[in-house]
N, C-alpha and C. Protein backbone atom coordinates (compact mmCIF):
# COMPACT_ATOMS: atom_id res chain seq x y z
N MET A 1 26.87 99.86 77.88
CA MET A 1 28.07 98.61 77.10
C MET A 1 27.17 97.88 77.00
N ASN A 2 26.99 96.76 75.76
CA ASN A 2 26.23 95.87 75.92
C ASN A 2 26.87 95.05 75.98
N LEU A 3 26.12 93.90 75.93
CA LEU A 3 26.67 92.20 76.42
C LEU A 3 27.79 91.45 75.69
N LYS A 4 27.90 92.15 74.16
CA LYS A 4 28.61 91.55 73.22
C LYS A 4 30.05 92.34 73.59
N GLN A 5 29.97 93.78 73.91
CA GLN A 5 31.43 94.75 74.32
C GLN A 5 31.80 94.02 75.21
N LEU A 6 30.66 93.93 76.74
CA LEU A 6 31.16 93.07 78.09
C LEU A 6 32.33 91.88 77.92
N THR A 7 32.07 91.21 76.49
CA THR A 7 32.21 89.87 76.60
C THR A 7 33.77 90.21 75.50
N ILE A 8 33.72 91.40 74.80
CA ILE A 8 34.98 91.51 74.09
C ILE A 8 35.96 92.12 74.85
N CYS A 9 35.44 92.84 75.94
CA CYS A 9 36.67 93.29 77.05
C CYS A 9 37.06 92.53 78.05
N ALA A 10 36.33 91.29 78.28
CA ALA A 10 36.52 90.83 79.48
C ALA A 10 37.67 89.77 79.24
N ALA A 11 37.17 89.36 77.43
CA ALA A 11 38.29 88.41 76.64
C ALA A 11 39.79 89.20 76.73
N LEU A 12 39.75 90.46 76.27
CA LEU A 12 41.03 91.20 76.09
C LEU A 12 41.66 91.28 77.32
N LEU A 13 40.81 91.47 78.31
CA LEU A 13 41.59 91.61 79.52
C LEU A 13 42.24 90.37 80.53
N LEU A 14 41.27 89.21 79.81
CA LEU A 14 42.02 88.00 80.27
C LEU A 14 43.11 87.83 79.27
N ALA A 15 43.73 88.28 77.98
CA ALA A 15 44.08 87.70 77.25
C ALA A 15 45.82 88.48 77.49
N TRP A 16 45.00 89.92 77.97
CA TRP A 16 46.42 90.75 78.51
C TRP A 16 46.56 90.33 79.56
N THR A 17 46.09 89.69 80.79
CA THR A 17 46.93 89.31 81.76
C THR A 17 47.38 88.34 82.07
N GLY A 18 47.02 87.18 80.90
CA GLY A 18 47.48 85.69 80.49
C GLY A 18 49.11 85.99 79.95
N MET A 19 49.46 87.74 79.07
CA MET A 19 50.34 87.40 78.67
C MET A 19 51.47 88.15 79.18
N THR A 20 50.76 89.07 80.50
CA THR A 20 51.84 89.59 81.10
C THR A 20 52.33 89.21 82.28
N VAL A 21 51.08 87.83 82.57
CA VAL A 21 51.70 86.99 83.79
C VAL A 21 52.85 86.16 83.25
N GLY A 22 52.51 85.76 82.26
CA GLY A 22 53.20 84.48 81.05
C GLY A 22 54.82 85.58 80.94
N ALA A 23 54.55 86.83 80.59
CA ALA A 23 56.39 87.29 80.48
C ALA A 23 56.73 86.97 81.47
N THR A 24 56.12 87.86 82.35
CA THR A 24 57.08 87.76 83.78
C THR A 24 57.60 86.67 84.63
N ASN A 25 56.60 85.51 84.35
CA ASN A 25 57.21 84.07 84.94
C ASN A 25 58.74 83.95 83.82
N ALA A 26 58.56 84.00 82.66
CA ALA A 26 59.38 83.69 81.14
C ALA A 26 60.38 84.32 81.40
N PHE A 27 60.84 85.88 82.32
CA PHE A 27 61.64 86.80 82.31
C PHE A 27 62.59 85.87 84.07
N ALA A 28 61.60 85.54 84.93
CA ALA A 28 61.99 85.49 86.26
C ALA A 28 62.70 83.71 86.45
N ALA A 29 62.12 83.08 85.33
CA ALA A 29 63.12 81.79 84.67
C ALA A 29 64.17 81.51 84.31
N GLU A 30 64.53 82.97 83.17
CA GLU A 30 65.68 83.06 82.21
C GLU A 30 66.79 83.87 83.61
N ALA A 31 66.32 84.50 84.78
CA ALA A 31 66.71 85.78 85.99
C ALA A 31 67.81 84.58 86.50
N LYS A 32 68.91 84.59 86.44
CA LYS A 32 70.18 84.50 87.63
C LYS A 32 70.06 84.89 88.30
N SER A 33 70.27 84.13 90.00
CA SER A 33 70.84 85.24 91.07
C SER A 33 72.17 85.59 91.40
N ILE A 34 72.39 86.53 91.84
CA ILE A 34 73.69 87.21 92.22
C ILE A 34 74.61 86.41 92.95
N PRO A 35 75.54 86.20 93.08
CA PRO A 35 76.53 85.33 93.87
C PRO A 35 76.50 85.84 94.95
N GLN A 36 76.21 85.19 96.13
CA GLN A 36 76.57 85.93 97.45
C GLN A 36 77.68 85.22 98.14
N VAL A 37 78.09 86.01 99.31
CA VAL A 37 79.19 85.23 100.14
C VAL A 37 78.50 83.65 100.48
N GLY A 38 79.71 82.96 100.43
CA GLY A 38 79.36 81.43 100.71
C GLY A 38 78.94 80.60 99.84
N ASP A 39 78.53 80.99 98.57
CA ASP A 39 78.25 80.63 97.70
C ASP A 39 79.23 80.14 96.49
N THR A 40 78.91 78.97 95.35
CA THR A 40 79.61 78.60 95.06
C THR A 40 79.45 79.58 93.76
N ALA A 41 80.97 80.77 93.55
CA ALA A 41 80.96 80.89 91.83
C ALA A 41 80.96 80.36 90.81
N PRO A 42 80.19 80.74 89.91
CA PRO A 42 80.12 79.62 88.55
C PRO A 42 81.10 79.97 87.83
N ASP A 43 81.89 78.95 87.29
CA ASP A 43 82.90 78.56 86.60
C ASP A 43 82.51 79.70 85.11
N PHE A 44 83.75 80.04 84.59
CA PHE A 44 83.46 80.69 83.11
C PHE A 44 84.75 80.35 82.42
N THR A 45 84.49 81.17 81.19
CA THR A 45 85.91 81.17 80.20
C THR A 45 85.16 82.52 79.73
N LEU A 46 86.48 83.13 79.44
CA LEU A 46 85.91 84.33 78.74
C LEU A 46 87.66 84.78 78.02
N ASN A 47 87.85 85.31 76.20
CA ASN A 47 88.62 85.44 76.01
C ASN A 47 89.27 87.05 76.08
N ASN A 48 90.64 87.33 76.41
CA ASN A 48 91.45 87.99 76.67
C ASN A 48 91.33 88.70 75.27
N LEU A 49 92.06 90.19 75.29
CA LEU A 49 92.51 90.72 74.25
C LEU A 49 93.07 90.34 72.74
N THR A 50 93.20 89.83 73.54
CA THR A 50 94.30 88.59 72.22
C THR A 50 93.55 87.18 71.90
N GLY A 51 92.61 87.12 72.41
CA GLY A 51 91.87 85.83 72.27
C GLY A 51 91.89 84.70 72.82
N GLU A 52 93.04 85.00 73.72
CA GLU A 52 93.04 83.90 74.74
C GLU A 52 91.71 83.37 75.91
N PRO A 53 92.03 82.18 76.22
CA PRO A 53 91.25 82.13 77.16
C PRO A 53 91.58 82.04 78.45
N VAL A 54 90.23 83.04 79.33
CA VAL A 54 90.89 82.64 80.49
C VAL A 54 89.66 82.04 81.13
N SER A 55 89.99 81.42 82.23
CA SER A 55 89.06 80.59 82.76
C SER A 55 88.90 80.45 84.35
N LEU A 56 88.19 80.60 85.10
CA LEU A 56 87.99 81.24 86.27
C LEU A 56 88.17 79.34 87.08
N ALA A 57 88.50 78.68 86.32
CA ALA A 57 88.20 77.36 87.53
C ALA A 57 89.77 77.17 87.21
N GLU A 58 90.24 77.41 86.25
CA GLU A 58 92.05 77.28 85.70
C GLU A 58 92.65 78.24 86.88
N LEU A 59 92.28 79.67 87.37
CA LEU A 59 92.78 79.99 87.72
C LEU A 59 92.86 80.18 89.24
N ARG A 60 91.71 79.84 90.11
CA ARG A 60 91.25 79.78 91.50
C ARG A 60 92.05 78.15 91.59
N LYS A 61 92.54 77.49 90.84
CA LYS A 61 92.92 76.32 91.26
C LYS A 61 94.64 76.89 91.79
N GLN A 62 95.01 77.94 91.11
CA GLN A 62 96.19 78.14 91.67
C GLN A 62 96.03 79.47 93.20
N SER A 63 95.14 80.11 92.77
CA SER A 63 94.78 81.44 94.07
C SER A 63 93.63 81.36 94.20
N PRO A 64 93.40 82.33 94.84
CA PRO A 64 92.32 83.11 94.97
C PRO A 64 91.86 84.35 94.15
N VAL A 65 90.83 84.41 93.58
CA VAL A 65 90.52 85.59 92.53
C VAL A 65 90.06 86.53 92.58
N VAL A 66 90.16 87.57 92.24
CA VAL A 66 89.41 88.96 92.81
C VAL A 66 89.06 89.03 91.15
N LEU A 67 87.43 88.97 90.85
CA LEU A 67 86.76 89.21 89.82
C LEU A 67 85.75 90.33 90.11
N VAL A 68 86.32 91.38 88.98
CA VAL A 68 85.63 92.85 89.05
C VAL A 68 84.89 92.69 87.68
N VAL A 69 83.63 93.08 87.78
CA VAL A 69 82.98 93.38 86.54
C VAL A 69 82.94 94.76 86.40
N LEU A 70 83.26 95.17 85.08
CA LEU A 70 83.15 96.67 85.01
C LEU A 70 81.97 96.96 83.82
N ARG A 71 82.03 98.36 83.79
CA ARG A 71 80.58 98.75 83.21
C ARG A 71 80.57 98.53 81.41
N GLY A 72 81.88 98.53 80.70
CA GLY A 72 81.90 98.06 79.43
C GLY A 72 81.47 99.66 79.04
N TYR A 73 80.96 99.46 78.03
CA TYR A 73 80.94 100.35 77.15
C TYR A 73 79.56 101.31 77.04
N PRO A 74 78.77 101.59 77.67
CA PRO A 74 77.21 102.23 77.22
C PRO A 74 76.94 103.48 77.06
N GLY A 75 78.26 103.75 75.92
CA GLY A 75 78.20 104.78 75.15
C GLY A 75 78.97 105.73 75.19
N TYR A 76 80.51 105.36 76.01
CA TYR A 76 81.12 106.26 76.83
C TYR A 76 82.08 105.27 77.52
N GLN A 77 83.27 105.66 77.71
CA GLN A 77 84.01 104.87 78.13
C GLN A 77 83.86 105.80 80.05
N CYS A 78 83.43 103.97 80.79
CA CYS A 78 83.46 105.23 81.98
C CYS A 78 84.44 105.27 83.17
N PRO A 79 83.81 106.38 83.39
CA PRO A 79 85.31 107.09 84.04
C PRO A 79 85.35 106.40 86.08
N ILE A 80 84.59 106.11 86.08
CA ILE A 80 84.65 105.28 87.56
C ILE A 80 85.15 103.87 87.61
N CYS A 81 85.07 103.76 86.27
CA CYS A 81 85.59 101.98 85.65
C CYS A 81 87.14 102.15 85.94
N SER A 82 87.75 103.01 85.26
CA SER A 82 88.95 103.37 84.90
C SER A 82 89.38 103.96 86.46
N ILE A 83 88.84 105.02 87.25
CA ILE A 83 89.44 105.01 88.56
C ILE A 83 89.38 103.37 89.09
N GLN A 84 88.68 102.83 89.10
CA GLN A 84 88.62 101.51 89.96
C GLN A 84 89.50 100.49 89.63
N MET A 85 89.65 100.56 87.87
CA MET A 85 91.11 99.56 87.40
C MET A 85 92.19 100.29 88.48
N ALA A 86 92.71 101.40 88.05
CA ALA A 86 93.74 102.08 88.13
C ALA A 86 94.29 101.97 90.08
N GLY A 87 92.83 102.05 90.68
CA GLY A 87 93.19 101.38 92.42
C GLY A 87 93.52 100.37 92.10
N LEU A 88 93.06 99.16 91.54
CA LEU A 88 93.58 97.68 91.90
C LEU A 88 95.27 97.59 91.74
N VAL A 89 95.36 98.32 90.62
CA VAL A 89 96.80 98.23 89.45
C VAL A 89 97.81 98.96 90.63
N ALA A 90 97.33 100.19 91.34
CA ALA A 90 98.05 100.67 91.94
C ALA A 90 98.65 99.48 93.44
N LYS A 91 97.44 99.03 93.54
CA LYS A 91 97.41 97.96 94.62
C LYS A 91 98.31 96.47 94.06
N ALA A 92 98.81 96.52 93.13
CA ALA A 92 98.88 95.11 92.56
C ALA A 92 100.14 94.30 93.27
N LYS A 93 101.14 95.04 94.15
CA LYS A 93 101.69 94.36 94.64
C LYS A 93 101.43 93.97 96.30
N ASP A 94 99.89 94.17 96.74
CA ASP A 94 99.30 94.08 97.73
C ASP A 94 98.55 92.55 97.42
N LEU A 95 97.71 92.81 96.44
CA LEU A 95 97.32 91.91 96.14
C LEU A 95 97.73 90.25 95.81
N SER A 96 99.39 90.88 95.00
CA SER A 96 100.06 89.76 94.42
C SER A 96 100.30 89.09 96.26
N ALA A 97 100.70 89.55 96.95
CA ALA A 97 101.45 89.38 98.05
C ALA A 97 100.34 88.59 99.07
N ALA A 98 98.87 88.47 98.53
CA ALA A 98 97.79 88.03 99.34
C ALA A 98 97.52 86.38 98.27
N GLY A 99 98.11 86.20 96.75
CA GLY A 99 98.30 85.68 96.56
C GLY A 99 97.02 85.63 95.39
N ALA A 100 96.59 87.12 95.47
CA ALA A 100 95.68 86.55 93.96
C ALA A 100 95.71 86.91 92.63
N LYS A 101 94.66 86.39 91.89
CA LYS A 101 94.90 87.01 90.62
C LYS A 101 93.49 87.71 90.28
N VAL A 102 93.60 88.56 89.35
CA VAL A 102 92.55 90.20 89.64
C VAL A 102 92.11 89.41 88.06
N VAL A 103 90.63 88.89 88.02
CA VAL A 103 90.21 89.26 86.32
C VAL A 103 89.17 90.31 86.32
N MET A 104 89.38 91.51 85.45
CA MET A 104 88.53 92.16 85.26
C MET A 104 87.67 92.03 83.72
N VAL A 105 86.48 91.89 83.98
CA VAL A 105 85.29 91.91 82.61
C VAL A 105 84.36 92.86 82.50
N TYR A 106 84.72 93.45 81.25
CA TYR A 106 84.42 94.10 80.16
C TYR A 106 83.03 93.40 79.23
N PRO A 107 81.67 93.87 79.63
CA PRO A 107 81.09 93.70 79.12
C PRO A 107 79.96 94.53 77.51
N GLY A 108 79.46 93.70 76.70
CA GLY A 108 79.11 94.64 75.87
C GLY A 108 78.83 93.80 74.76
N PRO A 109 78.24 94.51 73.47
CA PRO A 109 77.47 94.54 72.35
C PRO A 109 78.79 93.62 71.48
N ALA A 110 78.80 92.33 71.05
CA ALA A 110 79.77 91.63 70.43
C ALA A 110 80.47 92.46 69.23
N ASP A 111 79.61 93.41 68.45
CA ASP A 111 79.99 93.35 67.34
C ASP A 111 80.92 94.86 67.66
N ASP A 112 81.08 95.41 68.55
CA ASP A 112 82.51 96.83 68.46
C ASP A 112 83.14 96.52 69.99
N LEU A 113 82.74 95.16 70.70
CA LEU A 113 82.81 94.82 72.06
C LEU A 113 84.75 95.54 71.76
N ALA A 114 85.39 94.83 71.44
CA ALA A 114 86.69 94.37 70.95
C ALA A 114 87.75 95.72 71.33
N LYS A 115 87.00 96.45 70.21
CA LYS A 115 87.46 97.79 69.67
C LYS A 115 87.61 98.74 70.68
N ARG A 116 85.86 98.68 71.63
CA ARG A 116 86.09 99.69 73.07
C ARG A 116 86.77 98.80 74.08
N ALA A 117 87.12 97.75 74.22
CA ALA A 117 87.71 97.52 75.12
C ALA A 117 89.05 97.62 75.14
N GLU A 118 89.57 97.91 73.92
CA GLU A 118 91.04 98.42 73.65
C GLU A 118 91.43 99.86 73.76
N GLU A 119 90.38 100.41 73.52
CA GLU A 119 90.21 102.03 73.75
C GLU A 119 90.27 101.90 75.52
N PHE A 120 89.41 101.09 76.09
CA PHE A 120 89.66 101.20 77.72
C PHE A 120 91.13 101.09 78.04
N THR A 121 91.49 100.10 78.03
CA THR A 121 93.08 99.57 78.22
C THR A 121 94.15 100.20 77.49
N LYS A 122 94.17 101.24 76.66
CA LYS A 122 95.11 101.45 76.05
C LYS A 122 96.28 102.09 76.65
N SER A 123 96.27 102.85 77.60
CA SER A 123 97.01 103.64 78.05
C SER A 123 97.24 103.06 79.47
N LYS A 124 96.49 101.92 79.79
CA LYS A 124 96.80 101.20 80.96
C LYS A 124 97.68 99.74 81.22
N ALA A 125 98.83 99.50 81.39
CA ALA A 125 99.61 98.25 81.81
C ALA A 125 99.30 97.52 82.67
N LEU A 126 98.61 96.57 82.50
CA LEU A 126 98.58 95.27 83.31
C LEU A 126 99.26 94.62 84.14
N PRO A 127 99.70 94.55 85.25
CA PRO A 127 100.88 93.97 86.11
C PRO A 127 100.46 92.49 86.01
N PRO A 128 101.80 91.54 86.28
CA PRO A 128 101.04 90.45 86.51
C PRO A 128 100.59 89.56 87.20
N GLY A 129 99.52 88.59 86.83
CA GLY A 129 98.23 88.10 87.62
C GLY A 129 96.75 88.83 87.38
N PHE A 130 97.08 90.24 86.47
CA PHE A 130 95.96 90.66 86.02
C PHE A 130 95.28 90.31 84.48
N HIS A 131 94.05 89.64 84.97
CA HIS A 131 93.72 89.43 83.80
C HIS A 131 92.56 90.54 82.90
N PHE A 132 92.09 90.77 81.97
CA PHE A 132 91.76 91.96 80.94
C PHE A 132 90.61 90.96 80.04
N VAL A 133 89.12 90.40 80.27
CA VAL A 133 88.17 89.77 79.24
C VAL A 133 87.31 90.48 78.93
N ILE A 134 86.88 90.30 77.93
CA ILE A 134 85.72 90.68 77.59
C ILE A 134 84.51 89.26 77.48
N ASP A 135 83.21 90.08 77.54
CA ASP A 135 81.91 89.42 77.88
C ASP A 135 80.93 89.71 76.52
N PRO A 136 81.27 89.32 75.62
CA PRO A 136 80.46 89.55 73.85
C PRO A 136 78.76 89.39 74.36
N ASP A 137 77.99 90.12 74.01
CA ASP A 137 76.63 89.75 74.54
C ASP A 137 76.24 89.34 75.65
N TYR A 138 77.06 89.70 76.28
CA TYR A 138 76.40 89.60 78.11
C TYR A 138 76.55 88.31 78.71
N GLN A 139 76.66 87.46 77.74
CA GLN A 139 76.40 85.63 78.28
C GLN A 139 77.36 85.04 79.79
N PHE A 140 78.37 85.73 80.11
CA PHE A 140 78.58 86.22 81.74
C PHE A 140 77.64 86.64 82.71
N THR A 141 77.91 88.42 81.80
CA THR A 141 77.11 89.06 82.78
C THR A 141 75.54 88.67 83.14
N GLU A 142 74.92 88.22 82.24
CA GLU A 142 73.87 86.99 82.47
C GLU A 142 73.57 86.25 83.43
N SER A 143 74.89 85.26 83.32
CA SER A 143 74.35 84.18 84.34
C SER A 143 75.29 84.27 85.40
N TYR A 144 75.68 85.65 86.17
CA TYR A 144 75.79 86.11 86.91
C TYR A 144 75.03 87.49 87.84
N GLY A 145 73.57 87.48 87.12
CA GLY A 145 72.87 88.09 87.50
C GLY A 145 72.90 89.58 87.34
N LEU A 146 73.84 89.93 86.67
CA LEU A 146 74.23 91.14 87.07
C LEU A 146 73.88 92.39 85.79
N ARG A 147 73.08 91.79 85.11
CA ARG A 147 73.24 92.92 83.37
C ARG A 147 72.02 93.50 84.18
N TRP A 148 72.69 95.17 84.07
CA TRP A 148 71.82 96.07 84.01
C TRP A 148 70.93 96.24 82.98
N ASN A 149 69.85 96.29 82.95
CA ASN A 149 69.18 96.00 81.10
C ASN A 149 68.11 97.58 81.61
N ALA A 150 68.70 98.23 81.06
CA ALA A 150 68.07 100.13 81.34
C ALA A 150 69.16 100.47 80.29
N PRO A 151 68.49 102.11 79.54
CA PRO A 151 68.91 102.27 78.38
C PRO A 151 70.85 102.99 78.79
N LYS A 152 71.39 102.85 77.96
CA LYS A 152 72.86 103.48 78.54
C LYS A 152 73.43 102.81 79.75
N GLU A 153 73.07 101.33 79.96
CA GLU A 153 74.06 100.44 80.76
C GLU A 153 74.06 99.16 80.25
N THR A 154 74.86 98.53 81.20
CA THR A 154 75.26 97.12 80.74
C THR A 154 75.22 96.07 81.53
N ALA A 155 76.06 96.79 82.63
CA ALA A 155 76.10 96.12 84.50
C ALA A 155 76.41 96.27 84.88
N TYR A 156 75.64 95.80 86.19
CA TYR A 156 76.21 96.12 87.23
C TYR A 156 77.83 96.07 88.33
N PRO A 157 78.32 97.06 88.19
CA PRO A 157 79.32 97.42 88.54
C PRO A 157 79.64 96.25 90.05
N SER A 158 80.68 95.28 89.94
CA SER A 158 80.72 94.48 90.82
C SER A 158 82.22 93.92 91.50
N THR A 159 82.07 93.09 92.62
CA THR A 159 83.88 93.09 92.54
C THR A 159 83.52 91.92 93.50
N PHE A 160 83.88 90.65 93.43
CA PHE A 160 83.99 89.32 94.01
C PHE A 160 85.26 88.79 94.32
N VAL A 161 85.28 88.14 95.42
CA VAL A 161 86.54 87.72 96.18
C VAL A 161 85.83 86.00 95.90
N ILE A 162 86.95 84.90 95.51
CA ILE A 162 86.59 84.08 95.22
C ILE A 162 87.87 82.90 95.43
N ALA A 163 87.40 81.85 96.90
CA ALA A 163 88.49 80.96 97.20
C ALA A 163 88.89 79.97 95.82
N PRO A 164 90.38 79.36 96.51
CA PRO A 164 90.53 78.10 95.80
C PRO A 164 89.63 77.19 95.68
N GLU A 165 88.88 77.41 95.86
CA GLU A 165 87.83 76.03 96.29
C GLU A 165 86.32 76.07 95.68
N GLY A 166 86.35 77.81 95.40
CA GLY A 166 85.38 78.38 94.45
C GLY A 166 83.92 79.03 95.14
N THR A 167 83.92 79.19 96.36
CA THR A 167 83.68 79.53 97.94
C THR A 167 83.58 81.13 97.32
N VAL A 168 82.50 81.99 97.19
CA VAL A 168 82.68 83.63 97.27
C VAL A 168 82.74 83.87 98.85
N LYS A 169 83.79 84.54 98.90
CA LYS A 169 84.33 85.10 100.60
C LYS A 169 84.13 86.57 100.37
N PHE A 170 83.88 87.21 99.25
CA PHE A 170 83.32 88.88 99.29
C PHE A 170 82.84 88.93 98.21
N ALA A 171 81.46 90.01 98.18
CA ALA A 171 80.45 90.17 96.88
C ALA A 171 80.33 91.55 97.49
N GLN A 172 80.25 92.67 96.63
CA GLN A 172 80.01 93.59 96.44
C GLN A 172 79.18 94.12 94.71
N VAL A 173 78.06 94.84 95.20
CA VAL A 173 77.77 94.48 93.56
C VAL A 173 76.89 95.65 93.94
N SER A 174 76.80 96.85 92.63
CA SER A 174 76.41 98.22 93.27
C SER A 174 74.84 98.51 91.66
N LYS A 175 74.18 99.01 92.36
CA LYS A 175 72.97 99.06 91.46
C LYS A 175 72.93 100.59 90.70
N THR A 176 74.05 101.28 91.04
CA THR A 176 74.65 103.13 90.30
C THR A 176 76.07 102.81 90.57
N HIS A 177 76.19 103.63 89.59
CA HIS A 177 77.52 103.85 88.86
C HIS A 177 78.63 103.75 89.72
N ALA A 178 78.81 104.01 91.56
CA ALA A 178 79.70 104.67 92.04
C ALA A 178 79.07 102.87 93.04
N GLY A 179 79.68 102.94 94.40
CA GLY A 179 79.42 102.33 95.37
C GLY A 179 80.87 101.25 94.71
N ARG A 180 81.91 101.65 94.00
CA ARG A 180 82.42 100.34 93.95
C ARG A 180 83.29 99.90 95.14
N ALA A 181 83.69 98.61 95.46
CA ALA A 181 84.45 98.03 96.33
C ALA A 181 85.78 98.33 96.66
N ALA A 182 86.28 98.98 97.41
CA ALA A 182 87.51 99.77 98.05
C ALA A 182 88.49 98.28 98.18
N VAL A 183 89.52 98.64 97.31
CA VAL A 183 90.45 97.57 97.43
C VAL A 183 91.06 97.22 99.13
N LYS A 184 90.67 98.14 99.78
CA LYS A 184 91.04 97.86 101.22
C LYS A 184 90.28 96.63 101.80
N ASP A 185 89.19 96.49 101.21
CA ASP A 185 88.03 95.78 101.92
C ASP A 185 88.46 94.62 101.09
N VAL A 186 89.03 94.31 99.29
CA VAL A 186 89.24 93.02 99.07
C VAL A 186 90.50 92.61 99.46
N LEU A 187 91.37 93.42 99.74
CA LEU A 187 92.48 92.62 100.55
C LEU A 187 92.11 92.37 101.84
N ALA A 188 91.38 93.14 102.58
CA ALA A 188 90.76 92.29 103.95
C ALA A 188 90.00 91.11 103.80
N ALA A 189 89.35 90.66 102.92
CA ALA A 189 88.96 89.79 102.49
C ALA A 189 89.84 88.64 101.71
N LEU A 190 90.69 88.98 101.35
CA LEU A 190 91.61 87.97 100.81
C LEU A 190 92.30 87.36 101.92
N ASN A 191 92.74 87.75 103.15
CA ASN A 191 93.43 87.81 103.78
C ASN A 191 92.80 87.35 105.48
N SER A 192 91.70 87.52 105.25
CA SER A 192 90.82 86.38 106.42
C SER A 192 90.88 85.02 106.08
N ASN A 193 90.80 84.80 107.12
CA ASN A 193 90.46 83.11 107.39
C ASN A 193 89.40 82.28 106.97
């Protein structure tokens, strides 16, 4: 290799290294951290399927909030999300007795998100105190650090219990499709002082 070729290789290596470091730093700067127990949960407002806004700040003024982040539509309706939703609905009386409101977030690309969310909820009746909202283009999901940015993925399935003052009392985030929070653990968090 002559001096000219060596100089070109060195320049390319420096340019590539600089681009990689720059990209990594830009990603890190944009990434949000997942709320942990003891943190203040970031407030958000998302619309339900009839277009009405649902605000965490407003709901938690009244009661604790159980926030459940579903996987949305990663090319199919997630069967584990359906099971999780059914488990929460089955314990609606216990959740209500603990004073909780439940917010389920369905994330995905904005284009057909409402249609996919309607498919998901079609045969499911929500009890009083339950809210089903959509997260177009992952704005909420990214703000909570929950974007599962991989092929055929949307969000890390997650459950949070948020106290009326906004503090996270319980947090369970799964980096797999399973590993969902059990309703008994959610109820234990709601009933703890």
